[in-house]
Amino acid sequence: MPQKHLSHGQDLSALRVLLVDDDAALRGAVVAILRALGAKEVLEAPNGKVALEIIATDPPDFIISDWEMAPMNGAELLRAVRRENNRPTCFLPIIILTAHARPTLIRHAVSLGANQLLVKPVSPERLLSQIRWVLADSRQFYLEDGSYRLPMPGQESHTEEPEVPNEGDIAWV
């Protein structure tokens, strides 16, 4: 059965956001931005492993995660969250934070189920824009090899050929 992400159509003021990043200073700055933007509650995790513990015991409504961190990075976190047997949290919206907007990274993150990417440094305007984009995003998840994925933005389904960005383009980010 087709499924949109769990926070589709909601407002940031109604959401509990989980911020996952190993850089405590960046985490503090983004938490302050999220609170200033009106997030209902902001939870923090220093890596994907701690994030999974929070998701299992006190699921958030929205996840913003760094891509490069240890001991569990953003790709591993996406794989774990999007597993078929992880319902309903497999449908949580996830924005990936990255310092690198390479087309290969963008395609890889989307192939693992990222709803959106945000390139660092993070500004309040850009963060709010990306969150609003995700909350309005009506793409449907599809199941592939035991994990839920999303079609590339602008595609109605995963069977359409994606538009491949040129080197240096940020595409839909």
N, C-alpha and C. Protein backbone atom coordinates (compact mmCIF):
# COMPACT_ATOMS: atom_id res chain seq x y z
N MET A 1 0.84 -1.17 0.00
CA MET A 1 0.00 0.00 0.00
C MET A 1 0.89 1.25 0.00
N PRO A 2 0.67 2.21 -0.92
CA PRO A 2 1.48 3.43 -0.97
C PRO A 2 1.39 4.21 0.34
N GLN A 3 2.49 4.80 0.72
CA GLN A 3 2.57 5.50 2.00
C GLN A 3 3.39 6.77 1.86
N LYS A 4 2.84 7.90 2.32
CA LYS A 4 3.60 9.14 2.41
C LYS A 4 4.35 9.13 3.74
N HIS A 5 5.27 10.06 3.92
CA HIS A 5 5.97 10.12 5.20
C HIS A 5 4.99 10.51 6.31
N LEU A 6 5.33 10.18 7.53
CA LEU A 6 4.41 10.30 8.66
C LEU A 6 4.03 11.73 9.03
N SER A 7 4.84 12.71 8.68
CA SER A 7 4.55 14.10 9.06
C SER A 7 4.02 14.93 7.91
N HIS A 8 3.60 14.27 6.84
CA HIS A 8 3.09 14.99 5.66
C HIS A 8 1.96 15.94 6.04
N GLY A 9 2.09 17.19 5.60
CA GLY A 9 1.04 18.17 5.81
C GLY A 9 1.02 18.83 7.18
N GLN A 10 1.91 18.43 8.08
CA GLN A 10 1.93 19.04 9.42
C GLN A 10 2.75 20.31 9.42
N ASP A 11 2.66 21.04 10.50
CA ASP A 11 3.41 22.27 10.70
C ASP A 11 4.57 21.98 11.66
N LEU A 12 5.67 22.70 11.49
CA LEU A 12 6.85 22.51 12.35
C LEU A 12 6.49 22.66 13.83
N SER A 13 5.55 23.53 14.14
CA SER A 13 5.19 23.76 15.54
C SER A 13 4.54 22.54 16.20
N ALA A 14 4.15 21.56 15.41
CA ALA A 14 3.53 20.35 15.95
C ALA A 14 4.53 19.19 16.02
N LEU A 15 5.79 19.42 15.61
CA LEU A 15 6.72 18.32 15.45
C LEU A 15 7.80 18.23 16.51
N ARG A 16 8.11 16.98 16.85
CA ARG A 16 9.27 16.66 17.67
C ARG A 16 10.38 16.28 16.69
N VAL A 17 11.45 17.04 16.67
CA VAL A 17 12.53 16.84 15.71
C VAL A 17 13.72 16.21 16.41
N LEU A 18 14.27 15.18 15.79
CA LEU A 18 15.51 14.56 16.27
C LEU A 18 16.65 15.05 15.41
N LEU A 19 17.62 15.72 16.03
CA LEU A 19 18.80 16.22 15.34
C LEU A 19 19.97 15.29 15.66
N VAL A 20 20.60 14.74 14.62
CA VAL A 20 21.69 13.78 14.79
C VAL A 20 22.95 14.36 14.15
N ASP A 21 23.95 14.66 14.97
CA ASP A 21 25.21 15.19 14.46
C ASP A 21 26.29 15.00 15.52
N ASP A 22 27.48 14.62 15.08
CA ASP A 22 28.57 14.40 16.03
C ASP A 22 29.28 15.69 16.44
N ASP A 23 29.00 16.79 15.77
CA ASP A 23 29.59 18.09 16.09
C ASP A 23 28.66 18.80 17.08
N ALA A 24 29.07 18.83 18.35
CA ALA A 24 28.22 19.40 19.40
C ALA A 24 27.94 20.89 19.15
N ALA A 25 28.90 21.63 18.64
CA ALA A 25 28.70 23.06 18.38
C ALA A 25 27.66 23.26 17.27
N LEU A 26 27.75 22.47 16.20
CA LEU A 26 26.77 22.57 15.12
C LEU A 26 25.40 22.15 15.62
N ARG A 27 25.38 21.07 16.41
CA ARG A 27 24.11 20.61 16.97
C ARG A 27 23.46 21.72 17.79
N GLY A 28 24.24 22.40 18.61
CA GLY A 28 23.71 23.49 19.42
C GLY A 28 23.15 24.62 18.58
N ALA A 29 23.86 24.96 17.50
CA ALA A 29 23.40 26.03 16.62
C ALA A 29 22.10 25.64 15.92
N VAL A 30 22.02 24.41 15.42
CA VAL A 30 20.82 23.97 14.70
C VAL A 30 19.65 23.81 15.67
N VAL A 31 19.91 23.35 16.89
CA VAL A 31 18.84 23.26 17.90
C VAL A 31 18.27 24.65 18.16
N ALA A 32 19.16 25.63 18.31
CA ALA A 32 18.69 27.01 18.55
C ALA A 32 17.85 27.51 17.38
N ILE A 33 18.27 27.20 16.15
CA ILE A 33 17.50 27.61 14.97
C ILE A 33 16.13 26.93 14.97
N LEU A 34 16.11 25.62 15.22
CA LEU A 34 14.84 24.89 15.21
C LEU A 34 13.88 25.43 16.27
N ARG A 35 14.41 25.74 17.44
CA ARG A 35 13.54 26.31 18.50
C ARG A 35 13.03 27.68 18.09
N ALA A 36 13.91 28.50 17.50
CA ALA A 36 13.50 29.83 17.06
C ALA A 36 12.45 29.75 15.95
N LEU A 37 12.53 28.70 15.13
CA LEU A 37 11.57 28.50 14.04
C LEU A 37 10.24 27.92 14.54
N GLY A 38 10.22 27.52 15.83
CA GLY A 38 8.96 27.08 16.42
C GLY A 38 8.77 25.58 16.57
N ALA A 39 9.84 24.79 16.41
CA ALA A 39 9.69 23.34 16.59
C ALA A 39 9.12 23.05 17.98
N LYS A 40 8.19 22.12 18.04
CA LYS A 40 7.55 21.77 19.31
C LYS A 40 8.57 21.28 20.33
N GLU A 41 9.48 20.40 19.88
CA GLU A 41 10.51 19.84 20.75
C GLU A 41 11.68 19.40 19.88
N VAL A 42 12.89 19.54 20.40
CA VAL A 42 14.08 19.11 19.67
C VAL A 42 14.86 18.13 20.55
N LEU A 43 15.03 16.92 20.03
CA LEU A 43 15.83 15.89 20.68
C LEU A 43 17.19 15.87 20.01
N GLU A 44 18.23 15.43 20.72
CA GLU A 44 19.57 15.41 20.15
C GLU A 44 20.22 14.04 20.30
N ALA A 45 21.02 13.69 19.28
CA ALA A 45 21.82 12.47 19.32
C ALA A 45 23.17 12.76 18.66
N PRO A 46 24.28 12.26 19.24
CA PRO A 46 25.60 12.53 18.67
C PRO A 46 25.99 11.62 17.52
N ASN A 47 25.18 10.59 17.25
CA ASN A 47 25.48 9.67 16.14
C ASN A 47 24.24 8.82 15.85
N GLY A 48 24.34 8.05 14.77
CA GLY A 48 23.22 7.23 14.35
C GLY A 48 22.84 6.15 15.34
N LYS A 49 23.81 5.61 16.05
CA LYS A 49 23.52 4.55 17.02
C LYS A 49 22.62 5.07 18.15
N VAL A 50 22.96 6.22 18.69
CA VAL A 50 22.14 6.83 19.74
C VAL A 50 20.78 7.24 19.17
N ALA A 51 20.78 7.73 17.93
CA ALA A 51 19.52 8.11 17.28
C ALA A 51 18.57 6.91 17.20
N LEU A 52 19.09 5.74 16.82
CA LEU A 52 18.23 4.55 16.73
C LEU A 52 17.64 4.18 18.09
N GLU A 53 18.41 4.37 19.16
CA GLU A 53 17.89 4.10 20.50
C GLU A 53 16.73 5.05 20.83
N ILE A 54 16.89 6.31 20.47
CA ILE A 54 15.82 7.29 20.70
C ILE A 54 14.59 6.95 19.86
N ILE A 55 14.82 6.62 18.59
CA ILE A 55 13.71 6.29 17.68
C ILE A 55 12.93 5.08 18.20
N ALA A 56 13.64 4.11 18.77
CA ALA A 56 13.00 2.89 19.28
C ALA A 56 12.19 3.14 20.55
N THR A 57 12.64 4.08 21.39
CA THR A 57 11.99 4.27 22.69
C THR A 57 11.07 5.48 22.74
N ASP A 58 11.36 6.50 21.95
CA ASP A 58 10.60 7.76 22.00
C ASP A 58 10.61 8.39 20.61
N PRO A 59 9.91 7.77 19.64
CA PRO A 59 10.03 8.20 18.24
C PRO A 59 9.71 9.68 18.01
N PRO A 60 10.58 10.34 17.25
CA PRO A 60 10.31 11.73 16.87
C PRO A 60 9.33 11.75 15.69
N ASP A 61 9.02 12.96 15.22
CA ASP A 61 8.16 13.12 14.05
C ASP A 61 8.97 13.43 12.79
N PHE A 62 10.24 13.80 12.98
CA PHE A 62 11.07 14.30 11.89
C PHE A 62 12.52 14.11 12.30
N ILE A 63 13.38 13.73 11.35
CA ILE A 63 14.81 13.54 11.65
C ILE A 63 15.64 14.42 10.73
N ILE A 64 16.63 15.08 11.32
CA ILE A 64 17.65 15.80 10.57
C ILE A 64 18.98 15.18 11.00
N SER A 65 19.71 14.61 10.04
CA SER A 65 20.91 13.86 10.39
C SER A 65 22.10 14.25 9.54
N ASP A 66 23.25 14.33 10.20
CA ASP A 66 24.51 14.51 9.50
C ASP A 66 24.79 13.26 8.67
N TRP A 67 25.59 13.40 7.64
CA TRP A 67 25.95 12.28 6.77
C TRP A 67 27.21 11.59 7.27
N GLU A 68 28.21 12.38 7.67
CA GLU A 68 29.51 11.82 8.08
C GLU A 68 29.68 11.95 9.58
N MET A 69 29.57 10.82 10.27
CA MET A 69 29.77 10.76 11.72
C MET A 69 30.06 9.31 12.10
N ALA A 70 30.53 9.10 13.30
CA ALA A 70 30.84 7.76 13.79
C ALA A 70 30.22 7.61 15.18
N PRO A 71 29.90 6.43 15.64
CA PRO A 71 30.17 5.14 15.03
C PRO A 71 29.15 4.71 13.98
N MET A 72 28.03 5.37 13.85
CA MET A 72 27.07 5.04 12.81
C MET A 72 26.79 6.31 12.02
N ASN A 73 27.08 6.28 10.70
CA ASN A 73 26.92 7.47 9.88
C ASN A 73 25.50 7.61 9.34
N GLY A 74 25.28 8.66 8.56
CA GLY A 74 23.95 8.93 8.03
C GLY A 74 23.42 7.87 7.09
N ALA A 75 24.31 7.30 6.27
CA ALA A 75 23.89 6.23 5.36
C ALA A 75 23.42 5.01 6.15
N GLU A 76 24.17 4.65 7.18
CA GLU A 76 23.79 3.49 8.00
C GLU A 76 22.50 3.76 8.76
N LEU A 77 22.33 5.00 9.22
CA LEU A 77 21.08 5.36 9.91
C LEU A 77 19.90 5.26 8.95
N LEU A 78 20.05 5.79 7.74
CA LEU A 78 18.97 5.68 6.74
C LEU A 78 18.61 4.23 6.48
N ARG A 79 19.61 3.39 6.28
CA ARG A 79 19.35 1.96 6.02
C ARG A 79 18.56 1.34 7.17
N ALA A 80 18.97 1.65 8.40
CA ALA A 80 18.31 1.06 9.57
C ALA A 80 16.87 1.55 9.71
N VAL A 81 16.65 2.84 9.54
CA VAL A 81 15.30 3.41 9.70
C VAL A 81 14.36 2.92 8.61
N ARG A 82 14.84 2.84 7.37
CA ARG A 82 13.97 2.50 6.23
C ARG A 82 13.72 1.00 6.04
N ARG A 83 14.23 0.15 6.93
CA ARG A 83 13.97 -1.29 6.80
C ARG A 83 12.47 -1.58 6.88
N GLU A 84 12.06 -2.54 6.08
CA GLU A 84 10.64 -2.92 5.99
C GLU A 84 10.06 -3.29 7.35
N ASN A 85 10.83 -3.97 8.18
CA ASN A 85 10.32 -4.45 9.47
C ASN A 85 10.34 -3.36 10.55
N ASN A 86 10.61 -2.13 10.17
CA ASN A 86 10.71 -1.02 11.11
C ASN A 86 9.48 -0.11 11.03
N ARG A 87 8.31 -0.70 10.79
CA ARG A 87 7.09 0.10 10.66
C ARG A 87 6.59 0.53 12.03
N PRO A 88 6.05 1.70 12.19
CA PRO A 88 5.80 2.75 11.21
C PRO A 88 6.95 3.75 11.09
N THR A 89 7.97 3.63 11.95
CA THR A 89 9.03 4.65 11.93
C THR A 89 9.85 4.64 10.64
N CYS A 90 9.70 3.61 9.82
CA CYS A 90 10.40 3.60 8.53
C CYS A 90 9.91 4.71 7.62
N PHE A 91 8.76 5.31 7.96
CA PHE A 91 8.19 6.38 7.15
C PHE A 91 8.45 7.78 7.73
N LEU A 92 9.36 7.89 8.70
CA LEU A 92 9.70 9.21 9.24
C LEU A 92 10.41 10.04 8.16
N PRO A 93 10.11 11.32 8.07
CA PRO A 93 10.84 12.16 7.13
C PRO A 93 12.26 12.40 7.62
N ILE A 94 13.22 12.36 6.70
CA ILE A 94 14.63 12.52 7.06
C ILE A 94 15.32 13.49 6.11
N ILE A 95 15.90 14.54 6.69
CA ILE A 95 16.76 15.45 5.94
C ILE A 95 18.20 15.11 6.31
N ILE A 96 19.04 14.97 5.30
CA ILE A 96 20.46 14.70 5.52
C ILE A 96 21.24 16.01 5.43
N LEU A 97 22.08 16.26 6.43
CA LEU A 97 22.99 17.41 6.42
C LEU A 97 24.33 16.94 5.87
N THR A 98 24.91 17.72 4.99
CA THR A 98 26.21 17.36 4.44
C THR A 98 27.00 18.61 4.07
N ALA A 99 28.30 18.49 4.14
CA ALA A 99 29.16 19.58 3.69
C ALA A 99 29.49 19.41 2.21
N HIS A 100 29.05 18.30 1.63
CA HIS A 100 29.39 17.97 0.24
C HIS A 100 28.12 17.74 -0.57
N ALA A 101 27.94 18.51 -1.63
CA ALA A 101 26.74 18.38 -2.47
C ALA A 101 27.07 17.70 -3.79
N ARG A 102 27.92 16.69 -3.74
CA ARG A 102 28.27 15.96 -4.96
C ARG A 102 27.04 15.19 -5.46
N PRO A 103 26.83 15.18 -6.78
CA PRO A 103 25.69 14.44 -7.34
C PRO A 103 25.68 12.97 -6.92
N THR A 104 26.84 12.35 -6.80
CA THR A 104 26.88 10.94 -6.39
C THR A 104 26.38 10.78 -4.96
N LEU A 105 26.71 11.70 -4.08
CA LEU A 105 26.23 11.64 -2.69
C LEU A 105 24.73 11.87 -2.66
N ILE A 106 24.24 12.82 -3.44
CA ILE A 106 22.80 13.10 -3.49
C ILE A 106 22.05 11.85 -3.94
N ARG A 107 22.49 11.24 -5.03
CA ARG A 107 21.82 10.02 -5.54
C ARG A 107 21.88 8.90 -4.51
N HIS A 108 23.04 8.75 -3.85
CA HIS A 108 23.18 7.69 -2.85
C HIS A 108 22.22 7.92 -1.68
N ALA A 109 22.16 9.15 -1.17
CA ALA A 109 21.28 9.45 -0.04
C ALA A 109 19.81 9.21 -0.42
N VAL A 110 19.42 9.65 -1.61
CA VAL A 110 18.03 9.45 -2.05
C VAL A 110 17.77 7.96 -2.25
N SER A 111 18.74 7.23 -2.79
CA SER A 111 18.54 5.79 -3.00
C SER A 111 18.34 5.05 -1.68
N LEU A 112 18.85 5.62 -0.59
CA LEU A 112 18.67 5.01 0.73
C LEU A 112 17.42 5.50 1.45
N GLY A 113 16.71 6.48 0.84
CA GLY A 113 15.45 6.92 1.42
C GLY A 113 15.44 8.31 2.03
N ALA A 114 16.47 9.13 1.80
CA ALA A 114 16.44 10.51 2.30
C ALA A 114 15.32 11.29 1.62
N ASN A 115 14.61 12.08 2.38
CA ASN A 115 13.57 12.94 1.81
C ASN A 115 14.17 14.18 1.16
N GLN A 116 15.29 14.65 1.72
CA GLN A 116 15.90 15.88 1.25
C GLN A 116 17.32 15.98 1.80
N LEU A 117 18.13 16.82 1.18
CA LEU A 117 19.48 17.10 1.65
C LEU A 117 19.61 18.59 1.90
N LEU A 118 20.44 18.93 2.87
CA LEU A 118 20.72 20.32 3.19
C LEU A 118 22.22 20.47 3.32
N VAL A 119 22.78 21.40 2.55
CA VAL A 119 24.22 21.60 2.54
C VAL A 119 24.61 22.59 3.64
N LYS A 120 25.64 22.19 4.41
CA LYS A 120 26.17 23.07 5.45
C LYS A 120 26.98 24.18 4.78
N PRO A 121 27.08 25.33 5.38
CA PRO A 121 26.54 25.73 6.69
C PRO A 121 25.02 25.93 6.62
N VAL A 122 24.39 25.74 7.76
CA VAL A 122 22.93 25.81 7.85
C VAL A 122 22.51 27.23 8.19
N SER A 123 21.60 27.78 7.40
CA SER A 123 21.01 29.08 7.73
C SER A 123 19.56 28.85 8.14
N PRO A 124 19.00 29.72 8.98
CA PRO A 124 17.59 29.55 9.37
C PRO A 124 16.64 29.53 8.17
N GLU A 125 16.89 30.39 7.20
CA GLU A 125 16.01 30.47 6.04
C GLU A 125 16.04 29.18 5.23
N ARG A 126 17.24 28.67 4.98
CA ARG A 126 17.39 27.45 4.18
C ARG A 126 16.83 26.24 4.93
N LEU A 127 17.08 26.16 6.22
CA LEU A 127 16.56 25.04 7.01
C LEU A 127 15.03 25.05 6.99
N LEU A 128 14.43 26.21 7.22
CA LEU A 128 12.97 26.30 7.21
C LEU A 128 12.42 25.95 5.83
N SER A 129 13.08 26.42 4.79
CA SER A 129 12.65 26.11 3.42
C SER A 129 12.67 24.60 3.17
N GLN A 130 13.74 23.92 3.59
CA GLN A 130 13.85 22.48 3.37
C GLN A 130 12.81 21.72 4.20
N ILE A 131 12.60 22.14 5.43
CA ILE A 131 11.60 21.48 6.27
C ILE A 131 10.21 21.63 5.65
N ARG A 132 9.88 22.85 5.22
CA ARG A 132 8.57 23.06 4.60
C ARG A 132 8.42 22.24 3.33
N TRP A 133 9.50 22.14 2.54
CA TRP A 133 9.47 21.34 1.32
C TRP A 133 9.14 19.89 1.66
N VAL A 134 9.82 19.36 2.67
CA VAL A 134 9.59 17.96 3.06
C VAL A 134 8.17 17.77 3.59
N LEU A 135 7.70 18.69 4.42
CA LEU A 135 6.35 18.55 4.98
C LEU A 135 5.27 18.58 3.89
N ALA A 136 5.55 19.26 2.79
CA ALA A 136 4.60 19.33 1.68
C ALA A 136 4.81 18.22 0.64
N ASP A 137 5.91 17.50 0.75
CA ASP A 137 6.28 16.47 -0.23
C ASP A 137 5.28 15.31 -0.18
N SER A 138 4.66 15.02 -1.32
CA SER A 138 3.64 13.96 -1.34
C SER A 138 4.11 12.70 -2.06
N ARG A 139 5.41 12.57 -2.30
CA ARG A 139 5.90 11.34 -2.94
C ARG A 139 5.57 10.14 -2.04
N GLN A 140 5.30 9.02 -2.68
CA GLN A 140 4.95 7.79 -1.97
C GLN A 140 6.17 6.88 -1.86
N PHE A 141 6.35 6.29 -0.69
CA PHE A 141 7.41 5.30 -0.51
C PHE A 141 7.08 4.06 -1.33
N TYR A 142 8.12 3.37 -1.76
CA TYR A 142 7.96 2.07 -2.40
C TYR A 142 8.96 1.12 -1.74
N LEU A 143 8.64 -0.16 -1.76
CA LEU A 143 9.48 -1.18 -1.13
C LEU A 143 10.40 -1.79 -2.17
N GLU A 144 11.70 -1.84 -1.84
CA GLU A 144 12.69 -2.43 -2.74
C GLU A 144 13.76 -3.11 -1.90
N ASP A 145 13.95 -4.38 -2.12
CA ASP A 145 14.97 -5.16 -1.42
C ASP A 145 14.88 -5.02 0.10
N GLY A 146 13.66 -5.03 0.63
CA GLY A 146 13.45 -5.01 2.07
C GLY A 146 13.55 -3.65 2.73
N SER A 147 13.66 -2.58 1.93
CA SER A 147 13.74 -1.22 2.48
C SER A 147 12.80 -0.29 1.72
N TYR A 148 12.30 0.71 2.45
CA TYR A 148 11.45 1.71 1.83
C TYR A 148 12.30 2.82 1.24
N ARG A 149 11.93 3.24 0.05
CA ARG A 149 12.65 4.27 -0.69
C ARG A 149 11.65 5.26 -1.25
N LEU A 150 12.17 6.37 -1.76
CA LEU A 150 11.34 7.40 -2.39
C LEU A 150 11.84 7.63 -3.81
N PRO A 151 10.93 7.94 -4.74
CA PRO A 151 11.40 8.35 -6.07
C PRO A 151 12.14 9.68 -5.96
N MET A 152 12.98 9.98 -6.94
CA MET A 152 13.65 11.28 -6.96
C MET A 152 12.58 12.37 -7.02
N PRO A 153 12.83 13.53 -6.40
CA PRO A 153 11.86 14.63 -6.50
C PRO A 153 11.57 14.95 -7.96
N GLY A 154 10.31 15.23 -8.24
CA GLY A 154 9.88 15.51 -9.61
C GLY A 154 9.41 14.28 -10.34
N GLN A 155 9.61 13.10 -9.77
CA GLN A 155 9.12 11.86 -10.36
C GLN A 155 7.86 11.43 -9.62
N GLU A 156 6.92 10.91 -10.35
CA GLU A 156 5.70 10.40 -9.73
C GLU A 156 5.93 9.02 -9.12
N SER A 157 6.82 8.25 -9.74
CA SER A 157 7.07 6.90 -9.23
C SER A 157 8.54 6.57 -9.42
N HIS A 158 8.97 5.49 -8.79
CA HIS A 158 10.38 5.09 -8.87
C HIS A 158 10.72 4.46 -10.22
N THR A 159 9.74 4.20 -11.06
CA THR A 159 10.01 3.56 -12.35
C THR A 159 10.36 4.57 -13.43
N GLU A 160 10.11 5.87 -13.18
CA GLU A 160 10.51 6.90 -14.14
C GLU A 160 12.02 7.06 -14.11
N GLU A 161 12.58 7.46 -15.23
CA GLU A 161 14.02 7.73 -15.28
C GLU A 161 14.30 9.04 -14.57
N PRO A 162 15.21 9.04 -13.58
CA PRO A 162 15.52 10.28 -12.89
C PRO A 162 16.35 11.21 -13.75
N GLU A 163 16.20 12.50 -13.48
CA GLU A 163 17.05 13.49 -14.13
C GLU A 163 18.36 13.51 -13.36
N VAL A 164 19.45 13.18 -14.03
CA VAL A 164 20.74 13.09 -13.37
C VAL A 164 21.39 14.47 -13.37
N PRO A 165 21.75 14.99 -12.17
CA PRO A 165 22.37 16.31 -12.12
C PRO A 165 23.77 16.29 -12.69
N ASN A 166 24.20 17.43 -13.21
CA ASN A 166 25.56 17.58 -13.70
C ASN A 166 26.49 17.77 -12.51
N GLU A 167 27.76 17.43 -12.73
CA GLU A 167 28.76 17.65 -11.68
C GLU A 167 28.73 19.11 -11.27
N GLY A 168 28.67 19.37 -9.98
CA GLY A 168 28.63 20.74 -9.48
C GLY A 168 27.22 21.24 -9.22
N ASP A 169 26.20 20.59 -9.80
CA ASP A 169 24.82 21.00 -9.53
C ASP A 169 24.39 20.47 -8.17
N ILE A 170 23.53 21.18 -7.53
CA ILE A 170 22.98 20.71 -6.27
C ILE A 170 21.63 20.06 -6.51
N ALA A 171 21.16 20.09 -7.73
CA ALA A 171 19.89 19.49 -8.12
C ALA A 171 18.76 20.10 -7.32
N TRP A 172 18.03 19.31 -6.57
CA TRP A 172 16.82 19.74 -5.88
C TRP A 172 17.09 20.25 -4.47
N VAL A 173 18.35 20.28 -4.09
CA VAL A 173 18.69 20.73 -2.73
C VAL A 173 18.68 22.24 -2.69
